[in-house]
Amino acid sequence: MNKCLRVSFSGDLPEDFLHNVIQKNAKKLNLEGTVQQIQAENKVKLIVCGDKDAVDQFIDSLHKGAGKAALEGLEIEPFLKDKDYRGVFRVIE
């Protein structure tokens, strides 16, 4: 069963967090979607889609990957997939 989530959070994250934590774990778990850091709002916004168990593991990896930098204002909501991510997880810069 597939699951899609829209996730947003802020925090004092390591510089390489988008690539080394988010994209790396998404690829490892065979997930698709996008992630973007919104500098003006100091937020990270992502869409992640894939197998339900893999998506749940991915959310757990966000907490572990953040380490001592707490994820503030974490919002997770269901998302209806509205476009084809072509099986890839992209970092939008």
Foldseek 3Di string as FASTA:
>chain_A
DKFKKKKKWAWDADPCCCPPQQQVLCVVLQKFWEWEQDVVVRMIIIMIMDDPVSVVVSVVSSCVRRPPIDTHPIDMDTDDDDDDRPSHYYYDD
